[in-house]
């Protein structure tokens, strides 16, 4: 075996391990459709300039909403977890917001102990300030100017502190630049040292027009900023991006982020610390609630290297073939824009997006014994009653024959429907009216997949205690093999039923997942009711922790 083949096999093994361990990483990107934070957050005034804490639980921004002191003030919204809604924003106190000044452009340090911002009497003549606190539970101290070394007699604003706290990027209209407003950086050796003399970022980044609002990524290798330079999608400011290979390399030529992000007016942005979300401040973006609104858009991984519409082993082989190279197509890690080399960081990213995350997979290909092996998550099932293994009678290999009297398969806990999306699919043959195929026990568990009492049509009672049963018009008790499934989408708040790859029912109203901490009964209801036991063959049961797409469901049928 040659060395290239050996290396390919080794990397495939590494990839399989990364998939099984569920590494949480980020990928190269395109953008989702921007979403307004809504009227509870954007109050029809002017809300702008976001900075998100490292844990994602505190959002600092500037606003002219009622309750402020003078002009713009800095406010904060919090949330208990990253899946919760933002709280009612609260204005920071007088140590930060002064009665006769405007405060803009907050930038919170990664440790949450320093908050940089700009302050001035109006929309111009701002200086850079910082406020500090001993711990994240303490109040902010009185803000102080960064002094004459940093602030000039011109306009200085838009601070952005780097993740390591040793570089501060900002914009300034001071003399000696490339245009009216340029981007600068000041550095310090440690957090206890003074800031150095600011350095202009140079003619590659700074144009003869205005360049403002820098936002640096956590690795310090990608810089987003807003500019009026030629090549805009608008008549005003657009968002641009520049990269460098290492912190000591020069910045590359900026590229425009495109029409999904940029509007016809002013746009600037801050990237979240995890690299997965872009928070936009947009002037008069259609669909907003005020002149300035805050929006967010997801940074969507691009890992379909060969463009065939699937992320699969073919894409993995492309990474392997370019291992160790500076090959931009596969340079998808680390967070979120790559590092100039195809390596394990890119392999980790691909592993995250190669397949929907399997929670459990019972192939039901055993030939004997009382255990059905879960080949993915270790949730082995126990046979109850006297089900019969059918080694050659399945739709995919073998299958399990249930008698409709007292046969069923029980499993340990796998997933709580209240915690997020899920998809469950199986092949079945035969069955009768009113039987359960897959049910969850404990808590508010119920029948995930079953048949109705009147005609043997596919139904789900997931969350039916509060939201009712979802019925389809598809009969599945006709003695033929059918691939049946339930997709619960926690983002869209609805259930979908599938038969043989075709969607046959979908909720028309909001449906939430109801908590349950129990395992599954396969072939019986949660209460083991007489008449609920399934009579027929069942094969190849799969559970995922995502809402599968139509293409992914079609793949399961093959």
Protein backbone atom coordinates (compact mmCIF):
# COMPACT_ATOMS: atom_id res chain seq x y z
CA UNK A 1 0.00 0.00 0.00
CA UNK A 2 1.46 3.40 -0.95
CA UNK A 3 1.83 6.26 1.53
CA UNK A 4 -0.99 8.33 0.02
CA UNK A 5 -3.43 5.44 0.36
CA UNK A 6 -2.28 4.80 3.92
CA UNK A 7 -2.76 8.47 4.77
CA UNK A 8 -6.25 8.44 3.26
CA UNK A 9 -7.27 5.43 5.34
CA UNK A 10 -5.85 7.05 8.48
CA UNK A 11 -7.78 10.27 7.89
CA UNK A 12 -11.00 8.37 7.22
CA UNK A 13 -10.56 6.65 10.57
CA UNK A 14 -9.95 10.02 12.23
CA UNK A 15 -13.08 11.41 10.57
CA UNK A 16 -15.18 8.50 11.82
CA UNK A 17 -13.93 9.18 15.34
CA UNK A 18 -14.74 12.88 15.08
CA UNK A 19 -18.28 12.09 13.95
CA UNK A 20 -18.81 9.71 16.85
CA UNK A 21 -17.55 12.22 19.41
CA UNK A 22 -19.74 15.03 18.06
CA UNK A 23 -17.09 17.75 17.91
CA UNK A 24 -18.67 21.21 18.03
CA UNK A 25 -16.88 23.39 15.52
CA UNK A 26 -17.55 25.96 12.85
CA UNK A 27 -17.13 26.02 9.10
CA UNK A 28 -16.50 28.36 6.18
CA UNK A 29 -19.60 30.27 5.31
CA UNK A 30 -22.28 31.86 3.31
CA UNK A 31 -25.05 33.86 4.98
CA UNK A 32 -28.63 33.07 5.86
CA UNK A 33 -31.44 35.56 5.35
CA UNK A 34 -31.08 38.32 7.99
CA UNK A 35 -33.70 38.20 10.74
CA UNK A 36 -34.84 41.26 12.67
CA UNK A 37 -34.55 40.87 16.46
CA UNK A 38 -38.17 41.96 16.61
CA UNK A 39 -40.32 44.77 18.07
CA UNK A 40 -39.64 43.71 21.66
CA UNK A 41 -35.99 44.51 21.04
CA UNK A 42 -36.02 47.13 18.27
CA UNK A 43 -38.31 49.83 19.60
CA UNK A 44 -38.89 51.92 16.49
CA UNK A 45 -36.15 54.32 17.51
CA UNK A 46 -32.50 53.83 16.60
CA UNK A 47 -30.85 50.63 17.89
CA UNK A 48 -27.38 49.75 16.68
CA UNK A 49 -23.80 48.70 17.40
CA UNK A 50 -23.87 45.22 18.95
CA UNK A 51 -21.23 43.49 21.06
CA UNK A 52 -21.88 39.98 22.36
CA UNK A 53 -20.23 38.49 25.45
CA UNK A 54 -18.08 35.39 25.07
CA UNK A 55 -20.71 33.14 26.64
CA UNK A 56 -23.38 34.57 24.32
CA UNK A 57 -25.60 35.60 27.25
CA UNK A 58 -25.11 39.39 27.30
CA UNK A 59 -25.75 41.74 24.38
CA UNK A 60 -24.47 45.33 24.58
CA UNK A 61 -25.77 47.92 22.11
CA UNK A 62 -26.44 51.62 21.63
CA UNK A 63 -29.95 53.04 21.45
CA UNK A 64 -31.92 56.28 21.38
CA UNK A 65 -34.99 54.64 22.92
CA UNK A 66 -36.99 56.40 25.59
CA UNK A 67 -35.47 56.18 29.04
CA UNK A 68 -32.05 57.26 27.83
CA UNK A 69 -30.17 60.30 29.03
CA UNK A 70 -29.03 62.27 26.00
CA UNK A 71 -28.80 61.09 22.41
CA UNK A 72 -27.50 57.52 22.32
CA UNK A 73 -26.87 55.45 25.46
CA UNK A 74 -25.45 51.98 25.95
CA UNK A 75 -27.90 49.26 26.97
CA UNK A 76 -27.64 45.57 27.80
CA UNK A 77 -29.97 42.61 27.22
CA UNK A 78 -29.36 39.21 28.81
CA UNK A 79 -30.64 35.65 28.48
CA UNK A 80 -30.34 32.54 30.64
CA UNK A 81 -29.16 30.28 27.80
CA UNK A 82 -28.32 30.79 24.14
CA UNK A 83 -31.67 29.17 23.27
CA UNK A 84 -33.69 31.69 25.28
CA UNK A 85 -35.11 35.02 24.16
CA UNK A 86 -33.37 38.25 25.13
CA UNK A 87 -34.63 40.01 28.25
CA UNK A 88 -35.98 43.53 28.34
CA UNK A 89 -32.89 45.72 27.72
CA UNK A 90 -31.56 47.76 30.65
CA UNK A 91 -29.62 51.00 30.30
CA UNK A 92 -26.16 51.00 31.86
CA UNK A 93 -25.77 53.41 34.75
CA UNK A 94 -24.22 56.89 35.04
CA UNK A 95 -20.68 55.54 35.29
CA UNK A 96 -21.05 54.74 31.57
CA UNK A 97 -23.86 56.94 30.23
CA UNK A 98 -23.53 60.69 30.88
CA UNK A 99 -26.47 63.09 30.79
CA UNK A 100 -24.90 65.54 28.32
CA UNK A 101 -23.18 63.07 25.97
CA UNK A 102 -23.88 60.28 23.51
CA UNK A 103 -22.33 56.86 24.00
CA UNK A 104 -21.96 54.52 21.04
CA UNK A 105 -20.16 51.46 19.69
CA UNK A 106 -19.74 49.18 22.74
CA UNK A 107 -17.12 46.42 22.58
CA UNK A 108 -16.95 43.97 25.48
CA UNK A 109 -13.68 42.18 26.25
CA UNK A 110 -13.57 38.38 26.16
CA UNK A 111 -13.28 38.20 29.97
CA UNK A 112 -16.22 40.59 30.38
CA UNK A 113 -14.19 43.01 32.55
CA UNK A 114 -13.58 45.83 30.07
CA UNK A 115 -16.15 47.69 27.99
CA UNK A 116 -14.82 50.03 25.30
CA UNK A 117 -17.04 52.62 23.64
CA UNK A 118 -17.03 56.06 22.05
CA UNK A 119 -18.45 59.18 23.68
CA UNK A 120 -19.12 62.70 22.46
CA UNK A 121 -21.57 65.59 22.58
CA UNK A 122 -23.42 64.61 19.42
CA UNK A 123 -22.88 62.63 16.25
CA UNK A 124 -19.31 63.91 15.86
CA UNK A 125 -16.26 64.74 17.96
CA UNK A 126 -16.21 61.40 19.76
CA UNK A 127 -13.33 59.98 21.78
CA UNK A 128 -12.64 56.42 22.89
CA UNK A 129 -13.41 55.46 26.51
CA UNK A 130 -13.22 52.33 28.65
CA UNK A 131 -15.04 51.23 31.79
CA UNK A 132 -13.86 48.33 33.95
CA UNK A 133 -15.08 46.04 36.71
CA UNK A 134 -13.38 43.54 39.04
CA UNK A 135 -15.72 40.63 38.25
CA UNK A 136 -18.69 40.13 35.96
CA UNK A 137 -20.94 40.40 39.03
CA UNK A 138 -19.66 43.88 39.93
CA UNK A 139 -20.89 47.28 38.78
CA UNK A 140 -19.02 49.17 36.11
CA UNK A 141 -16.51 51.78 37.31
CA UNK A 142 -16.53 55.36 36.04
CA UNK A 143 -15.45 55.33 32.41
CA UNK A 144 -12.15 57.00 31.53
CA UNK A 145 -10.78 58.36 28.28
CA UNK A 146 -8.06 56.36 26.56
CA UNK A 147 -6.03 59.55 26.54
CA UNK A 148 -4.04 61.60 24.09
CA UNK A 149 -1.98 58.64 22.89
CA UNK A 150 -5.15 57.15 21.35
CA UNK A 151 -7.63 60.00 20.97
CA UNK A 152 -6.98 62.82 18.52
CA UNK A 153 -8.56 66.19 17.94
CA UNK A 154 -10.60 64.54 15.16
CA UNK A 155 -13.35 61.91 15.31
CA UNK A 156 -12.33 58.63 17.00
CA UNK A 157 -14.85 55.83 17.38
CA UNK A 158 -15.99 52.29 16.59
CA UNK A 159 -13.67 50.45 19.04
CA UNK A 160 -13.27 46.68 18.73
CA UNK A 161 -11.16 44.84 21.29
CA UNK A 162 -9.46 41.61 20.19
CA UNK A 163 -10.11 38.31 21.94
CA UNK A 164 -6.69 38.34 23.62
CA UNK A 165 -7.26 41.94 24.76
CA UNK A 166 -3.97 43.12 23.24
CA UNK A 167 -5.21 44.86 20.08
CA UNK A 168 -7.81 47.61 19.80
CA UNK A 169 -9.15 48.43 16.35
CA UNK A 170 -11.04 51.68 15.73
CA UNK A 171 -11.84 54.31 13.12
CA UNK A 172 -10.55 57.86 13.02
CA UNK A 173 -10.70 60.96 10.84
CA UNK A 174 -7.27 62.18 12.03
CA UNK A 175 -4.84 63.60 9.48
CA UNK A 176 -2.39 61.39 7.63
CA UNK A 177 -4.86 58.71 6.55
CA UNK A 178 -5.92 57.38 3.17
CA UNK A 179 -9.40 58.93 3.30
CA UNK A 180 -11.70 60.97 5.51
CA UNK A 181 -12.19 58.05 7.97
CA UNK A 182 -9.62 55.24 8.23
CA UNK A 183 -9.15 52.12 10.32
CA UNK A 184 -6.36 52.03 12.92
CA UNK A 185 -5.03 49.59 15.50
CA UNK A 186 -3.27 50.14 18.80
CA UNK A 187 -1.58 47.32 20.70
CA UNK A 188 -0.16 46.52 24.15
CA UNK A 189 2.16 43.76 25.40
CA UNK A 190 -0.07 42.78 28.33
CA UNK A 191 -3.39 43.96 29.72
CA UNK A 192 -1.47 45.88 32.39
CA UNK A 193 0.54 47.88 29.83
CA UNK A 194 -0.35 51.16 28.14
CA UNK A 195 -1.64 51.25 24.59
CA UNK A 196 0.88 52.05 21.85
CA UNK A 197 0.66 54.79 19.24
CA UNK A 198 -2.12 53.86 16.79
CA UNK A 199 -1.07 52.53 13.39
CA UNK A 200 -3.04 53.07 10.20
CA UNK A 201 -4.02 49.72 8.63
CA UNK A 202 -2.73 50.93 5.28
CA UNK A 203 -3.94 51.44 1.72
CA UNK A 204 -5.03 47.84 1.13
CA UNK A 205 -7.75 48.20 3.77
CA UNK A 206 -8.27 51.95 3.89
CA UNK A 207 -9.63 53.58 0.76
CA UNK A 208 -9.91 57.19 -0.32
CA UNK A 209 -13.50 57.04 0.99
CA UNK A 210 -14.71 56.39 4.55
CA UNK A 211 -13.81 53.11 6.27
CA UNK A 212 -15.44 52.51 9.66
CA UNK A 213 -16.79 49.98 12.19
CA UNK A 214 -14.12 47.25 12.37
CA UNK A 215 -14.98 43.80 13.78
CA UNK A 216 -12.16 41.29 14.27
CA UNK A 217 -12.76 37.54 14.45
CA UNK A 218 -11.63 35.57 17.53
CA UNK A 219 -8.53 34.19 15.78
CA UNK A 220 -7.49 37.69 14.66
CA UNK A 221 -7.23 36.63 11.03
CA UNK A 222 -10.39 38.11 9.53
CA UNK A 223 -11.52 41.73 9.72
CA UNK A 224 -15.02 42.94 8.81
CA UNK A 225 -15.66 46.64 8.30
CA UNK A 226 -18.00 49.10 6.62
CA UNK A 227 -16.87 51.23 3.69
CA UNK A 228 -18.02 53.73 1.06
CA UNK A 229 -15.36 52.58 -1.42
CA UNK A 230 -16.23 51.80 -5.06
CA UNK A 231 -17.79 48.40 -5.71
CA UNK A 232 -20.67 48.88 -3.29
CA UNK A 233 -24.16 47.37 -3.58
CA UNK A 234 -25.57 50.57 -2.07
CA UNK A 235 -25.20 54.31 -2.46
CA UNK A 236 -23.76 54.56 1.04
CA UNK A 237 -21.86 52.02 3.19
CA UNK A 238 -21.39 48.29 2.53
CA UNK A 239 -19.82 45.55 4.60
CA UNK A 240 -16.43 44.24 3.45
CA UNK A 241 -14.06 41.53 4.67
CA UNK A 242 -10.30 41.08 4.57
CA UNK A 243 -8.16 38.13 5.70
CA UNK A 244 -4.57 37.39 6.57
CA UNK A 245 -2.87 34.00 6.92
CA UNK A 246 -1.18 34.73 10.25
CA UNK A 247 -1.18 37.66 12.67
CA UNK A 248 2.20 38.75 11.26
CA UNK A 249 1.12 38.60 7.59
CA UNK A 250 -0.33 41.57 5.68
CA UNK A 251 -4.07 41.90 5.15
CA UNK A 252 -5.46 40.70 1.84
CA UNK A 253 -7.57 42.64 -0.64
CA UNK A 254 -11.04 43.29 0.87
CA UNK A 255 -14.08 41.63 -0.67
CA UNK A 256 -17.69 42.81 -0.53
CA UNK A 257 -20.02 40.57 1.53
CA UNK A 258 -22.71 40.77 -1.14
CA UNK A 259 -26.40 41.64 -1.51
CA UNK A 260 -27.75 39.20 1.10
CA UNK A 261 -26.00 41.27 3.77
CA UNK A 262 -25.71 44.72 2.22
CA UNK A 263 -28.72 46.96 1.69
CA UNK A 264 -29.20 50.22 -0.18
CA UNK A 265 -28.08 52.25 2.81
CA UNK A 266 -25.75 51.98 5.83
CA UNK A 267 -24.74 48.53 7.10
CA UNK A 268 -22.17 47.53 9.67
CA UNK A 269 -21.76 44.35 11.71
CA UNK A 270 -20.23 42.50 14.64
CA UNK A 271 -19.42 38.81 14.53
CA UNK A 272 -20.32 36.64 17.53
CA UNK A 273 -17.45 35.16 19.56
CA UNK A 274 -18.29 31.63 18.36
CA UNK A 275 -18.18 32.73 14.72
CA UNK A 276 -21.67 31.42 13.96
CA UNK A 277 -23.74 34.62 13.90
CA UNK A 278 -23.38 38.05 12.36
CA UNK A 279 -25.21 40.86 14.15
CA UNK A 280 -26.10 43.63 11.70
CA UNK A 281 -26.90 47.27 12.34
CA UNK A 282 -28.91 48.48 9.36
CA UNK A 283 -30.34 51.85 8.43
CA UNK A 284 -33.84 51.57 6.93
CA UNK A 285 -33.51 47.89 6.03
CA UNK A 286 -36.89 46.73 4.64
CA UNK A 287 -38.98 45.01 7.31
CA UNK A 288 -37.48 46.90 10.22
CA UNK A 289 -39.18 48.79 13.03
CA UNK A 290 -37.06 51.95 13.21
CA UNK A 291 -34.50 53.99 11.32
CA UNK A 292 -31.73 51.83 12.80
CA UNK A 293 -32.52 48.21 13.71
CA UNK A 294 -30.45 45.28 14.87
CA UNK A 295 -30.64 42.09 12.82
CA UNK A 296 -28.89 38.75 12.94
CA UNK A 297 -27.93 36.25 10.27
CA UNK A 298 -26.45 32.79 10.53
CA UNK A 299 -23.05 31.99 9.08
CA UNK A 300 -23.78 28.85 7.09
CA UNK A 301 -21.05 26.26 6.49
CA UNK A 302 -20.00 25.50 2.92
CA UNK A 303 -18.71 21.94 2.87
CA UNK A 304 -20.18 20.59 -0.38
CA UNK A 305 -16.83 20.81 -2.17
CA UNK A 306 -17.86 19.09 -5.40
CA UNK A 307 -21.20 20.92 -5.65
CA UNK A 308 -23.32 17.79 -6.04
CA UNK A 309 -25.84 18.84 -3.40
CA UNK A 310 -24.61 16.32 -0.80
CA UNK A 311 -21.98 16.43 1.91
CA UNK A 312 -20.58 12.91 1.83
CA UNK A 313 -17.49 10.75 1.45
CA UNK A 314 -16.67 12.37 -1.89
CA UNK A 315 -16.13 15.68 -0.11
CA UNK A 316 -14.06 13.92 2.54
CA UNK A 317 -11.78 12.49 -0.16
CA UNK A 318 -11.27 15.98 -1.62
CA UNK A 319 -9.95 17.14 1.77
CA UNK A 320 -7.66 14.11 1.97
CA UNK A 321 -6.33 14.70 -1.54
CA UNK A 322 -5.34 18.27 -0.64
CA UNK A 323 -4.04 17.51 2.85
CA UNK A 324 -1.33 19.95 3.94
CA UNK A 325 -1.94 22.33 1.02
CA UNK A 326 -3.03 25.94 0.92
CA UNK A 327 -6.21 24.96 -0.96
CA UNK A 328 -8.94 27.51 -0.36
CA UNK A 329 -11.85 25.25 -1.37
CA UNK A 330 -11.22 22.94 1.59
CA UNK A 331 -9.85 25.51 4.04
CA UNK A 332 -13.00 25.58 6.17
CA UNK A 333 -11.58 25.67 9.69
CA UNK A 334 -10.98 26.89 12.29
CA UNK A 335 -13.69 29.36 13.33
CA UNK A 336 -14.98 30.52 10.93
CA UNK A 337 -12.87 31.47 7.93
CA UNK A 338 -10.00 29.01 7.60
CA UNK A 339 -6.29 29.28 8.37
CA UNK A 340 -4.49 28.86 5.06
CA UNK A 341 -3.85 25.11 5.25
CA UNK A 342 -5.92 21.96 4.84
CA UNK A 343 -5.48 20.04 8.09
CA UNK A 344 -7.29 18.42 10.98
CA UNK A 345 -9.22 21.65 11.67
CA UNK A 346 -10.90 21.30 8.29
CA UNK A 347 -11.53 17.59 8.87
CA UNK A 348 -13.28 18.41 12.14
CA UNK A 349 -15.54 20.88 10.35
CA UNK A 350 -16.47 18.36 7.69
CA UNK A 351 -17.22 15.77 10.36
CA UNK A 352 -19.71 18.14 11.95
CA UNK A 353 -21.63 18.54 8.70
CA UNK A 354 -21.06 15.22 6.96
CA UNK A 355 -24.24 13.62 8.21
CA UNK A 356 -27.18 14.46 10.43
CA UNK A 357 -26.24 13.37 13.94
CA UNK A 358 -27.40 9.81 14.55
CA UNK A 359 -28.80 9.26 18.02
CA UNK A 360 -29.72 5.64 17.50
CA UNK A 361 -29.87 3.03 14.74
CA UNK A 362 -31.35 -0.42 15.25
CA UNK A 363 -30.64 -2.39 12.09
CA UNK A 364 -32.56 -5.41 13.50
CA UNK A 365 -30.35 -7.82 11.60
CA UNK A 366 -29.73 -10.15 14.56
CA UNK A 367 -30.46 -13.83 14.17
CA UNK A 368 -30.96 -14.79 17.81
CA UNK A 369 -30.97 -13.53 21.38
CA UNK A 370 -32.98 -11.02 23.36
CA UNK A 371 -31.01 -7.84 22.53
CA UNK A 372 -31.38 -5.50 19.54
CA UNK A 373 -28.09 -3.66 19.10
CA UNK A 374 -27.93 0.10 18.56
CA UNK A 375 -25.02 0.48 16.14
CA UNK A 376 -24.62 4.22 16.82
CA UNK A 377 -25.43 5.38 20.32
CA UNK A 378 -25.22 2.26 22.46
CA UNK A 379 -28.96 2.32 23.26
CA UNK A 380 -29.41 -1.43 22.95
CA UNK A 381 -33.03 -2.58 23.08
CA UNK A 382 -34.51 -5.48 25.03
CA UNK A 383 -36.98 -7.89 23.44
CA UNK A 384 -40.17 -8.45 25.45
CA UNK A 385 -42.71 -11.21 24.79
CA UNK A 386 -41.47 -13.54 22.08
CA UNK A 387 -40.62 -11.46 18.98
CA UNK A 388 -39.05 -13.50 16.17
CA UNK A 389 -35.91 -12.58 14.31
CA UNK A 390 -36.34 -12.78 10.53
CA UNK A 391 -32.74 -12.82 9.23
CA UNK A 392 -33.75 -12.76 5.57
CA UNK A 393 -37.21 -11.27 5.78
CA UNK A 394 -36.48 -7.59 6.22
CA UNK A 395 -36.60 -4.61 3.91
CA UNK A 396 -32.91 -3.89 4.63
CA UNK A 397 -31.33 -7.20 5.65
CA UNK A 398 -33.18 -8.83 8.53
CA UNK A 399 -36.21 -7.66 10.49
CA UNK A 400 -38.13 -8.26 13.72
CA UNK A 401 -41.54 -9.96 13.67
CA UNK A 402 -44.03 -8.79 16.34
CA UNK A 403 -47.20 -10.77 17.10
CA UNK A 404 -49.64 -7.95 18.01
CA UNK A 405 -50.36 -9.54 21.41
CA UNK A 406 -47.50 -8.85 23.82
CA UNK A 407 -44.33 -8.47 21.71
CA UNK A 408 -42.35 -5.22 21.87
CA UNK A 409 -38.84 -3.80 22.08
CA UNK A 410 -37.88 -1.50 24.99
CA UNK A 411 -34.93 0.93 24.95
CA UNK A 412 -33.25 3.29 27.44
CA UNK A 413 -33.76 7.06 27.26
CA UNK A 414 -32.52 8.63 24.01
CA UNK A 415 -33.96 12.11 23.48
CA UNK A 416 -36.29 14.67 25.10
CA UNK A 417 -38.60 16.24 22.47
CA UNK A 418 -38.69 19.45 24.50
CA UNK A 419 -34.94 19.96 24.03
CA UNK A 420 -34.83 20.32 20.25
CA UNK A 421 -35.58 18.83 16.85
CA UNK A 422 -35.74 15.12 16.14
CA UNK A 423 -36.42 12.75 13.26
CA UNK A 424 -37.43 9.08 13.52
CA UNK A 425 -37.80 6.69 10.58
CA UNK A 426 -38.45 2.96 10.16
CA UNK A 427 -39.51 0.36 7.63
CA UNK A 428 -42.73 -1.51 8.54
CA UNK A 429 -44.93 -4.14 6.93
CA UNK A 430 -48.48 -5.17 7.89
CA UNK A 431 -49.93 -3.82 11.16
CA UNK A 432 -53.56 -3.13 12.01
CA UNK A 433 -55.90 -0.36 13.09
CA UNK A 434 -55.01 1.63 16.20
CA UNK A 435 -51.60 0.09 16.75
CA UNK A 436 -48.49 1.87 18.04
CA UNK A 437 -45.21 1.54 16.17
CA UNK A 438 -42.87 3.74 18.24
CA UNK A 439 -43.82 5.33 21.58
CA UNK A 440 -41.98 7.19 24.34
CA UNK A 441 -42.63 6.35 27.98
CA UNK A 442 -42.33 8.58 31.04
CA UNK A 443 -43.28 12.23 31.58
CA UNK A 444 -45.52 13.44 28.79
CA UNK A 445 -44.37 10.78 26.36
CA UNK A 446 -46.73 9.47 23.71
CA UNK A 447 -46.96 7.62 20.42
CA UNK A 448 -44.44 9.00 17.96
CA UNK A 449 -45.66 6.82 15.10
CA UNK A 450 -48.83 4.70 14.90
CA UNK A 451 -52.02 4.02 12.97
CA UNK A 452 -55.49 5.44 13.49
CA UNK A 453 -58.43 3.32 14.66
CA UNK A 454 -60.63 3.81 11.63
CA UNK A 455 -58.56 3.16 8.52
CA UNK A 456 -54.98 2.28 9.49
CA UNK A 457 -53.55 5.64 8.40
CA UNK A 458 -50.25 6.96 9.72
CA UNK A 459 -50.53 9.33 12.71
CA UNK A 460 -48.36 10.89 15.39
CA UNK A 461 -49.39 11.75 18.92
CA UNK A 462 -46.13 13.47 19.82
CA UNK A 463 -47.26 16.44 21.97
CA UNK A 464 -50.95 15.55 21.42
CA UNK A 465 -51.81 16.28 25.08
CA UNK A 466 -51.61 20.00 24.28
CA UNK A 467 -51.63 20.21 20.49
CA UNK A 468 -53.67 17.25 19.28
CA UNK A 469 -52.96 14.32 16.99
CA UNK A 470 -51.47 14.88 13.55
CA UNK A 471 -53.30 12.61 11.07
CA UNK A 472 -52.29 11.69 7.55
CA UNK A 473 -54.36 10.27 4.70
CA UNK A 474 -51.87 7.48 4.00
CA UNK A 475 -52.89 3.90 4.81
CA UNK A 476 -49.86 1.87 5.91
CA UNK A 477 -51.62 -1.38 6.95
CA UNK A 478 -51.99 -2.75 3.41
CA UNK A 479 -49.46 -5.57 3.73
CA UNK A 480 -46.76 -3.72 1.79
CA UNK A 481 -43.39 -2.42 3.01
CA UNK A 482 -43.56 1.29 3.86
CA UNK A 483 -40.88 3.69 4.96
CA UNK A 484 -42.55 5.85 7.61
CA UNK A 485 -41.23 8.77 9.57
CA UNK A 486 -41.83 11.71 11.87
CA UNK A 487 -39.86 14.98 11.75
CA UNK A 488 -40.31 17.40 14.62
CA UNK A 489 -38.79 20.81 13.79
CA UNK A 490 -38.23 22.79 16.99
CA UNK A 491 -37.30 25.94 15.05
CA UNK A 492 -40.47 25.97 12.95
CA UNK A 493 -42.56 24.48 15.81
CA UNK A 494 -44.29 21.84 13.74
CA UNK A 495 -44.49 18.10 13.03
CA UNK A 496 -44.29 16.43 9.63
CA UNK A 497 -45.20 12.85 8.70
CA UNK A 498 -43.63 10.94 5.80
CA UNK A 499 -44.58 7.77 3.95
CA UNK A 500 -42.21 6.34 1.34
CA UNK A 501 -40.25 9.59 1.13
CA UNK A 502 -43.30 11.81 0.59
CA UNK A 503 -44.58 14.31 3.13
CA UNK A 504 -48.16 13.25 3.93
CA UNK A 505 -49.07 15.59 6.83
CA UNK A 506 -47.82 18.79 8.45
CA UNK A 507 -49.05 20.94 11.32
CA UNK A 508 -50.70 24.20 10.34
CA UNK A 509 -50.30 25.74 13.81
CA UNK A 510 -47.44 26.03 16.28
CA UNK A 511 -46.60 22.78 18.09
CA UNK A 512 -43.96 22.56 20.83
CA UNK A 513 -42.15 19.47 22.04
CA UNK A 514 -43.45 18.24 25.41
CA UNK A 515 -40.87 17.06 28.00
CA UNK A 516 -40.27 13.35 28.41
CA UNK A 517 -37.38 11.57 30.09
CA UNK A 518 -38.32 7.98 29.26
CA UNK A 519 -37.10 5.37 26.85
CA UNK A 520 -38.95 3.97 23.86
CA UNK A 521 -41.37 1.13 23.32
CA UNK A 522 -41.05 -0.13 19.75
CA UNK A 523 -44.20 -2.00 18.82
CA UNK A 524 -46.46 -0.87 21.69
CA UNK A 525 -48.01 2.20 23.32
CA UNK A 526 -46.40 3.86 26.36
CA UNK A 527 -48.92 2.18 28.67
CA UNK A 528 -48.77 -1.21 26.90
CA UNK A 529 -52.50 -0.98 26.22
CA UNK A 530 -54.23 -4.06 24.80
CA UNK A 531 -54.79 -3.51 21.10
CA UNK A 532 -51.79 -1.17 20.80
CA UNK A 533 -49.23 -3.94 20.13
CA UNK A 534 -47.94 -3.93 16.56
CA UNK A 535 -48.57 -6.99 14.41
CA UNK A 536 -46.05 -7.22 11.61
CA UNK A 537 -42.45 -6.69 10.56
CA UNK A 538 -40.33 -3.72 11.57
CA UNK A 539 -36.86 -2.94 10.26
CA UNK A 540 -34.04 -0.38 10.24
CA UNK A 541 -35.16 2.17 12.87
CA UNK A 542 -33.20 5.43 12.88
CA UNK A 543 -33.36 8.47 15.17
CA UNK A 544 -31.59 11.79 14.52
CA UNK A 545 -31.28 14.94 16.63
CA UNK A 546 -32.13 17.22 13.70
CA UNK A 547 -35.12 17.88 11.48
CA UNK A 548 -34.15 16.00 8.32
CA UNK A 549 -34.59 17.70 4.97
CA UNK A 550 -36.44 16.21 2.00
CA UNK A 551 -33.14 15.31 0.29
CA UNK A 552 -31.85 13.56 3.41
CA UNK A 553 -35.09 11.61 3.77
CA UNK A 554 -34.90 10.60 0.12
CA UNK A 555 -31.38 9.26 0.78
CA UNK A 556 -32.75 7.02 3.56
CA UNK A 557 -35.05 5.39 1.04
CA UNK A 558 -32.18 4.27 -1.19
